[in-house]
């Protein structure tokens, strides 16, 4: 199995874990004062997207790994945008207030997104055995 497929599989596991985390986590009522955009989506939809996109990426990767990378980047982008909006709300005075944890969350998701983009662009070189010469 190529390095790209290994990376896709590892990130699909992350997607499945995030989906389960959403399903098994606390389902509190959305607090608009936190200004976390993805919370506007129901937890059922978010969990379904995490799990479905992870599974779809693994299935598609055998034929078109570039499509798998697109599928794997969607939910981290959603998280980054959602938390970044809360950072802006936290910095700019007025309602909503945003949340202080959004700064750290934005950095975490920016890092994950950067890692996915880096892995997607990393060439998958073929290993050749050394010449017995």
N, C-alpha and C. Protein backbone atom coordinates (compact mmCIF):
# COMPACT_ATOMS: atom_id res chain seq x y z
N UNK A 1 0.85 -1.18 0.00
CA UNK A 1 0.00 0.00 0.00
C UNK A 1 0.90 1.24 0.00
N UNK A 2 0.52 2.22 -0.81
CA UNK A 2 1.34 3.42 -0.95
C UNK A 2 1.24 4.30 0.30
N UNK A 3 2.18 5.21 0.41
CA UNK A 3 2.16 6.16 1.53
C UNK A 3 0.90 7.01 1.51
N UNK A 4 0.48 7.41 0.31
CA UNK A 4 -0.72 8.23 0.20
C UNK A 4 -1.93 7.48 0.75
N UNK A 5 -2.06 6.20 0.41
CA UNK A 5 -3.19 5.42 0.90
C UNK A 5 -3.11 5.23 2.41
N UNK A 6 -1.90 5.04 2.93
CA UNK A 6 -1.73 4.96 4.39
C UNK A 6 -2.20 6.24 5.06
N UNK A 7 -1.81 7.38 4.49
CA UNK A 7 -2.20 8.67 5.06
C UNK A 7 -3.70 8.87 4.97
N UNK A 8 -4.30 8.50 3.85
CA UNK A 8 -5.76 8.60 3.70
C UNK A 8 -6.44 7.74 4.75
N UNK A 9 -5.96 6.53 4.94
CA UNK A 9 -6.54 5.63 5.93
C UNK A 9 -6.44 6.21 7.34
N UNK A 10 -5.28 6.75 7.69
CA UNK A 10 -5.09 7.35 9.02
C UNK A 10 -6.04 8.53 9.23
N UNK A 11 -6.20 9.35 8.22
CA UNK A 11 -7.10 10.50 8.33
C UNK A 11 -8.56 10.07 8.33
N UNK A 12 -8.87 8.98 7.67
CA UNK A 12 -10.23 8.44 7.73
C UNK A 12 -10.55 7.96 9.14
N UNK A 13 -9.57 7.39 9.81
CA UNK A 13 -9.76 6.98 11.20
C UNK A 13 -10.02 8.21 12.07
N UNK A 14 -9.30 9.30 11.81
CA UNK A 14 -9.55 10.56 12.52
C UNK A 14 -10.99 11.02 12.27
N UNK A 15 -11.46 10.92 11.04
CA UNK A 15 -12.83 11.32 10.71
C UNK A 15 -13.84 10.45 11.45
N UNK A 16 -13.61 9.15 11.48
CA UNK A 16 -14.52 8.26 12.20
C UNK A 16 -14.53 8.60 13.68
N UNK A 17 -13.36 8.87 14.23
CA UNK A 17 -13.27 9.26 15.64
C UNK A 17 -14.01 10.54 15.93
N UNK A 18 -13.89 11.53 15.04
CA UNK A 18 -14.60 12.78 15.24
C UNK A 18 -16.11 12.56 15.15
N UNK A 19 -16.54 11.72 14.22
CA UNK A 19 -17.96 11.42 14.11
C UNK A 19 -18.50 10.77 15.37
N UNK A 20 -17.74 9.80 15.89
CA UNK A 20 -18.16 9.15 17.14
C UNK A 20 -18.13 10.12 18.31
N UNK A 21 -17.14 11.01 18.32
CA UNK A 21 -17.06 12.02 19.38
C UNK A 21 -18.30 12.91 19.37
N UNK A 22 -18.73 13.29 18.18
CA UNK A 22 -19.94 14.13 18.07
C UNK A 22 -21.16 13.34 18.53
N UNK A 23 -21.27 12.07 18.12
CA UNK A 23 -22.42 11.25 18.49
C UNK A 23 -22.47 11.02 20.00
N UNK A 24 -21.33 10.67 20.59
CA UNK A 24 -21.29 10.29 22.00
C UNK A 24 -21.10 11.46 22.95
N UNK A 25 -20.82 12.65 22.41
CA UNK A 25 -20.57 13.82 23.25
C UNK A 25 -21.85 14.41 23.81
N UNK A 26 -21.68 15.46 24.57
CA UNK A 26 -22.82 16.18 25.13
C UNK A 26 -23.55 16.92 24.02
N UNK A 27 -24.83 16.80 23.99
CA UNK A 27 -25.64 17.48 22.98
C UNK A 27 -26.35 18.66 23.63
N UNK A 28 -25.55 19.68 23.91
CA UNK A 28 -26.09 20.87 24.55
C UNK A 28 -26.73 21.77 23.50
N UNK A 29 -27.61 22.60 23.96
CA UNK A 29 -28.27 23.53 23.04
C UNK A 29 -27.26 24.55 22.53
N UNK A 30 -27.37 24.89 21.26
CA UNK A 30 -26.46 25.85 20.64
C UNK A 30 -26.51 27.19 21.39
N UNK A 31 -25.32 27.72 21.68
CA UNK A 31 -25.21 29.02 22.35
C UNK A 31 -24.71 30.02 21.32
N UNK A 32 -25.59 30.89 20.79
CA UNK A 32 -25.17 31.83 19.75
C UNK A 32 -24.10 32.81 20.23
N UNK A 33 -23.96 32.99 21.52
CA UNK A 33 -22.95 33.91 22.03
C UNK A 33 -21.54 33.37 21.85
N UNK A 34 -21.40 32.05 21.68
CA UNK A 34 -20.08 31.46 21.43
C UNK A 34 -19.60 31.74 20.01
N UNK A 35 -20.53 31.94 19.09
CA UNK A 35 -20.24 32.28 17.69
C UNK A 35 -19.42 31.20 16.97
N UNK A 36 -19.69 29.95 17.27
CA UNK A 36 -19.02 28.84 16.59
C UNK A 36 -19.95 28.38 15.47
N UNK A 37 -19.58 28.72 14.24
CA UNK A 37 -20.49 28.54 13.11
C UNK A 37 -20.97 27.11 12.90
N UNK A 38 -20.07 26.13 13.02
CA UNK A 38 -20.49 24.77 12.71
C UNK A 38 -21.51 24.24 13.72
N UNK A 39 -21.63 24.89 14.87
CA UNK A 39 -22.63 24.47 15.84
C UNK A 39 -24.05 24.76 15.36
N UNK A 40 -24.18 25.60 14.33
CA UNK A 40 -25.49 25.86 13.75
C UNK A 40 -26.05 24.62 13.05
N UNK A 41 -25.15 23.74 12.61
CA UNK A 41 -25.58 22.48 12.03
C UNK A 41 -25.94 21.54 13.18
N UNK A 42 -26.93 20.73 13.00
CA UNK A 42 -27.27 19.76 14.04
C UNK A 42 -26.15 18.74 14.23
N UNK A 43 -26.06 18.20 15.43
CA UNK A 43 -25.00 17.22 15.70
C UNK A 43 -25.17 15.98 14.83
N UNK A 44 -26.40 15.66 14.48
CA UNK A 44 -26.63 14.48 13.65
C UNK A 44 -26.01 14.66 12.26
N UNK A 45 -26.17 15.85 11.69
CA UNK A 45 -25.60 16.13 10.38
C UNK A 45 -24.07 16.15 10.45
N UNK A 46 -23.54 16.80 11.47
CA UNK A 46 -22.07 16.86 11.61
C UNK A 46 -21.48 15.47 11.77
N UNK A 47 -22.07 14.64 12.60
CA UNK A 47 -21.57 13.27 12.80
C UNK A 47 -21.65 12.47 11.50
N UNK A 48 -22.76 12.61 10.81
CA UNK A 48 -22.95 11.90 9.53
C UNK A 48 -21.89 12.32 8.52
N UNK A 49 -21.63 13.62 8.43
CA UNK A 49 -20.63 14.11 7.48
C UNK A 49 -19.24 13.60 7.83
N UNK A 50 -18.85 13.66 9.10
CA UNK A 50 -17.53 13.15 9.50
C UNK A 50 -17.37 11.69 9.09
N UNK A 51 -18.33 10.87 9.46
CA UNK A 51 -18.22 9.43 9.21
C UNK A 51 -18.32 9.12 7.72
N UNK A 52 -19.28 9.71 7.05
CA UNK A 52 -19.49 9.42 5.62
C UNK A 52 -18.30 9.86 4.78
N UNK A 53 -17.78 11.05 5.05
CA UNK A 53 -16.64 11.53 4.26
C UNK A 53 -15.39 10.70 4.52
N UNK A 54 -15.21 10.24 5.76
CA UNK A 54 -14.07 9.38 6.06
C UNK A 54 -14.13 8.05 5.33
N UNK A 55 -15.30 7.42 5.37
CA UNK A 55 -15.48 6.14 4.68
C UNK A 55 -15.38 6.33 3.17
N UNK A 56 -16.01 7.37 2.65
CA UNK A 56 -15.96 7.63 1.21
C UNK A 56 -14.53 7.87 0.74
N UNK A 57 -13.73 8.55 1.54
CA UNK A 57 -12.33 8.81 1.16
C UNK A 57 -11.55 7.51 1.01
N UNK A 58 -11.77 6.57 1.91
CA UNK A 58 -11.07 5.28 1.82
C UNK A 58 -11.50 4.52 0.57
N UNK A 59 -12.79 4.53 0.30
CA UNK A 59 -13.30 3.81 -0.88
C UNK A 59 -12.78 4.43 -2.17
N UNK A 60 -12.84 5.74 -2.27
CA UNK A 60 -12.45 6.46 -3.49
C UNK A 60 -10.93 6.45 -3.69
N UNK A 61 -10.17 6.37 -2.63
CA UNK A 61 -8.70 6.49 -2.71
C UNK A 61 -8.07 5.42 -3.60
N UNK A 62 -8.69 4.27 -3.71
CA UNK A 62 -8.14 3.21 -4.56
C UNK A 62 -8.10 3.61 -6.03
N UNK A 63 -9.04 4.47 -6.44
CA UNK A 63 -9.12 4.86 -7.85
C UNK A 63 -8.63 6.29 -8.08
N UNK A 64 -9.01 7.20 -7.21
CA UNK A 64 -8.67 8.62 -7.39
C UNK A 64 -8.28 9.21 -6.04
N UNK A 65 -7.01 9.11 -5.70
CA UNK A 65 -6.57 9.60 -4.39
C UNK A 65 -6.76 11.11 -4.27
N UNK A 66 -6.72 11.83 -5.38
CA UNK A 66 -6.93 13.28 -5.32
C UNK A 66 -8.35 13.61 -4.84
N UNK A 67 -9.33 12.83 -5.23
CA UNK A 67 -10.70 13.04 -4.75
C UNK A 67 -10.78 12.71 -3.26
N UNK A 68 -10.07 11.69 -2.83
CA UNK A 68 -10.05 11.34 -1.41
C UNK A 68 -9.52 12.50 -0.57
N UNK A 69 -8.48 13.17 -1.06
CA UNK A 69 -7.94 14.31 -0.32
C UNK A 69 -8.96 15.43 -0.20
N UNK A 70 -9.71 15.66 -1.26
CA UNK A 70 -10.76 16.70 -1.21
C UNK A 70 -11.80 16.32 -0.15
N UNK A 71 -12.21 15.06 -0.12
CA UNK A 71 -13.19 14.62 0.86
C UNK A 71 -12.66 14.78 2.28
N UNK A 72 -11.38 14.52 2.47
CA UNK A 72 -10.79 14.58 3.81
C UNK A 72 -10.53 16.01 4.29
N UNK A 73 -10.53 16.96 3.40
CA UNK A 73 -10.25 18.34 3.79
C UNK A 73 -11.52 19.11 4.15
N UNK A 74 -12.68 18.63 3.74
CA UNK A 74 -13.93 19.38 3.91
C UNK A 74 -14.28 19.65 5.37
N UNK A 75 -14.28 18.63 6.20
CA UNK A 75 -14.69 18.82 7.60
C UNK A 75 -13.65 19.61 8.41
N UNK A 76 -12.34 19.40 8.22
CA UNK A 76 -11.40 20.28 8.91
C UNK A 76 -11.54 21.75 8.50
N UNK A 77 -11.85 22.01 7.22
CA UNK A 77 -12.09 23.40 6.79
C UNK A 77 -13.31 23.95 7.53
N UNK A 78 -14.36 23.13 7.63
CA UNK A 78 -15.57 23.53 8.35
C UNK A 78 -15.23 23.88 9.80
N UNK A 79 -14.40 23.08 10.45
CA UNK A 79 -14.00 23.36 11.83
C UNK A 79 -13.18 24.64 11.92
N UNK A 80 -12.21 24.79 11.03
CA UNK A 80 -11.37 25.99 11.06
C UNK A 80 -12.20 27.25 10.86
N UNK A 81 -13.07 27.26 9.89
CA UNK A 81 -13.91 28.44 9.64
C UNK A 81 -14.81 28.72 10.84
N UNK A 82 -15.40 27.66 11.39
CA UNK A 82 -16.28 27.83 12.54
C UNK A 82 -15.58 28.44 13.74
N UNK A 83 -14.38 27.95 14.04
CA UNK A 83 -13.63 28.48 15.18
C UNK A 83 -13.04 29.85 14.87
N UNK A 84 -12.61 30.06 13.63
CA UNK A 84 -12.03 31.37 13.27
C UNK A 84 -13.08 32.48 13.40
N UNK A 85 -14.32 32.18 13.04
CA UNK A 85 -15.38 33.17 13.21
C UNK A 85 -15.55 33.51 14.70
N UNK A 86 -15.42 32.53 15.55
CA UNK A 86 -15.53 32.78 16.99
C UNK A 86 -14.36 33.62 17.49
N UNK A 87 -13.18 33.43 16.90
CA UNK A 87 -12.02 34.28 17.25
C UNK A 87 -12.33 35.73 16.89
N UNK A 88 -12.84 35.94 15.70
CA UNK A 88 -13.18 37.31 15.27
C UNK A 88 -14.22 37.90 16.22
N UNK A 89 -15.24 37.12 16.57
CA UNK A 89 -16.27 37.60 17.49
C UNK A 89 -15.68 37.90 18.86
N UNK A 90 -14.68 37.16 19.28
CA UNK A 90 -14.03 37.35 20.58
C UNK A 90 -13.20 38.64 20.57
N UNK A 91 -12.57 38.94 19.44
CA UNK A 91 -11.72 40.13 19.33
C UNK A 91 -12.54 41.40 19.16
N UNK A 92 -13.56 41.34 18.31
CA UNK A 92 -14.36 42.53 18.00
C UNK A 92 -15.41 42.72 19.10
N UNK A 93 -15.44 43.89 19.71
CA UNK A 93 -16.41 44.12 20.78
C UNK A 93 -17.86 44.04 20.30
N UNK A 94 -18.73 43.65 21.20
CA UNK A 94 -20.15 43.54 20.87
C UNK A 94 -20.59 42.11 20.86
N UNK A 95 -21.86 41.92 20.62
CA UNK A 95 -22.40 40.57 20.59
C UNK A 95 -22.27 39.98 19.20
N UNK A 96 -22.02 38.72 19.03
CA UNK A 96 -21.74 37.75 20.08
C UNK A 96 -20.33 37.91 20.64
N UNK A 97 -20.10 37.29 21.77
CA UNK A 97 -18.81 37.46 22.45
C UNK A 97 -17.72 36.53 21.93
N UNK A 98 -18.08 35.44 21.31
CA UNK A 98 -17.08 34.45 20.93
C UNK A 98 -16.63 33.69 22.16
N UNK A 99 -15.63 32.87 22.03
CA UNK A 99 -15.12 32.11 23.17
C UNK A 99 -13.60 32.12 23.16
N UNK A 100 -13.00 32.17 24.33
CA UNK A 100 -11.54 32.24 24.42
C UNK A 100 -10.87 30.98 23.89
N UNK A 101 -11.53 29.84 23.98
CA UNK A 101 -10.93 28.60 23.49
C UNK A 101 -10.86 28.55 21.97
N UNK A 102 -11.55 29.45 21.31
CA UNK A 102 -11.56 29.44 19.84
C UNK A 102 -10.19 29.74 19.25
N UNK A 103 -9.36 30.46 19.96
CA UNK A 103 -8.01 30.75 19.46
C UNK A 103 -7.22 29.45 19.35
N UNK A 104 -7.20 28.68 20.42
CA UNK A 104 -6.49 27.40 20.40
C UNK A 104 -7.09 26.42 19.42
N UNK A 105 -8.42 26.36 19.39
CA UNK A 105 -9.10 25.45 18.46
C UNK A 105 -8.78 25.82 17.01
N UNK A 106 -8.74 27.10 16.71
CA UNK A 106 -8.40 27.54 15.35
C UNK A 106 -6.99 27.11 14.98
N UNK A 107 -6.06 27.24 15.91
CA UNK A 107 -4.68 26.82 15.63
C UNK A 107 -4.58 25.31 15.44
N UNK A 108 -5.31 24.55 16.24
CA UNK A 108 -5.31 23.10 16.09
C UNK A 108 -5.82 22.70 14.71
N UNK A 109 -6.96 23.26 14.30
CA UNK A 109 -7.54 22.88 13.02
C UNK A 109 -6.75 23.44 11.84
N UNK A 110 -6.10 24.58 12.02
CA UNK A 110 -5.21 25.08 10.97
C UNK A 110 -4.03 24.13 10.80
N UNK A 111 -3.51 23.62 11.90
CA UNK A 111 -2.42 22.65 11.83
C UNK A 111 -2.84 21.35 11.17
N UNK A 112 -4.01 20.84 11.52
CA UNK A 112 -4.51 19.61 10.90
C UNK A 112 -4.74 19.83 9.41
N UNK A 113 -5.33 20.96 9.07
CA UNK A 113 -5.57 21.28 7.66
C UNK A 113 -4.25 21.41 6.90
N UNK A 114 -3.28 22.07 7.50
CA UNK A 114 -1.96 22.19 6.87
C UNK A 114 -1.30 20.84 6.66
N UNK A 115 -1.46 19.95 7.62
CA UNK A 115 -0.90 18.61 7.49
C UNK A 115 -1.57 17.84 6.35
N UNK A 116 -2.89 17.94 6.25
CA UNK A 116 -3.60 17.26 5.17
C UNK A 116 -3.16 17.78 3.81
N UNK A 117 -3.06 19.10 3.68
CA UNK A 117 -2.65 19.69 2.40
C UNK A 117 -1.22 19.28 2.06
N UNK A 118 -0.35 19.24 3.05
CA UNK A 118 1.04 18.80 2.83
C UNK A 118 1.09 17.35 2.39
N UNK A 119 0.35 16.49 3.08
CA UNK A 119 0.33 15.07 2.71
C UNK A 119 -0.24 14.86 1.31
N UNK A 120 -1.25 15.64 0.97
CA UNK A 120 -1.87 15.50 -0.36
C UNK A 120 -0.90 15.86 -1.47
N UNK A 121 -0.01 16.80 -1.21
CA UNK A 121 0.94 17.22 -2.23
C UNK A 121 2.26 16.48 -2.21
N UNK A 122 2.43 15.61 -1.24
CA UNK A 122 3.67 14.87 -1.09
C UNK A 122 3.74 13.77 -2.14
N UNK A 123 4.78 13.77 -2.97
CA UNK A 123 4.85 12.74 -4.01
C UNK A 123 5.04 11.35 -3.40
N UNK A 124 4.38 10.39 -3.99
CA UNK A 124 4.46 9.01 -3.53
C UNK A 124 5.50 8.29 -4.36
N UNK A 125 6.74 8.29 -3.88
CA UNK A 125 7.84 7.70 -4.66
C UNK A 125 7.85 6.18 -4.49
N UNK A 126 8.22 5.53 -5.57
CA UNK A 126 8.28 4.08 -5.55
C UNK A 126 9.63 3.65 -5.00
N UNK A 127 9.61 2.73 -4.06
CA UNK A 127 10.87 2.21 -3.48
C UNK A 127 11.40 1.08 -4.35
N UNK A 128 12.67 1.18 -4.68
CA UNK A 128 13.30 0.13 -5.49
C UNK A 128 14.38 -0.52 -4.66
N UNK A 129 14.47 -1.84 -4.74
CA UNK A 129 15.53 -2.52 -3.98
C UNK A 129 16.89 -2.17 -4.56
N UNK A 130 17.92 -2.08 -3.70
CA UNK A 130 19.25 -1.78 -4.21
C UNK A 130 19.76 -2.89 -5.13
N UNK A 131 20.58 -2.49 -6.10
CA UNK A 131 21.13 -3.47 -7.03
C UNK A 131 22.05 -4.42 -6.29
N UNK A 132 21.93 -5.69 -6.59
CA UNK A 132 22.76 -6.70 -5.95
C UNK A 132 24.17 -6.65 -6.52
N UNK A 133 24.34 -5.98 -7.66
CA UNK A 133 25.51 -5.66 -8.41
C UNK A 133 26.75 -6.25 -8.24
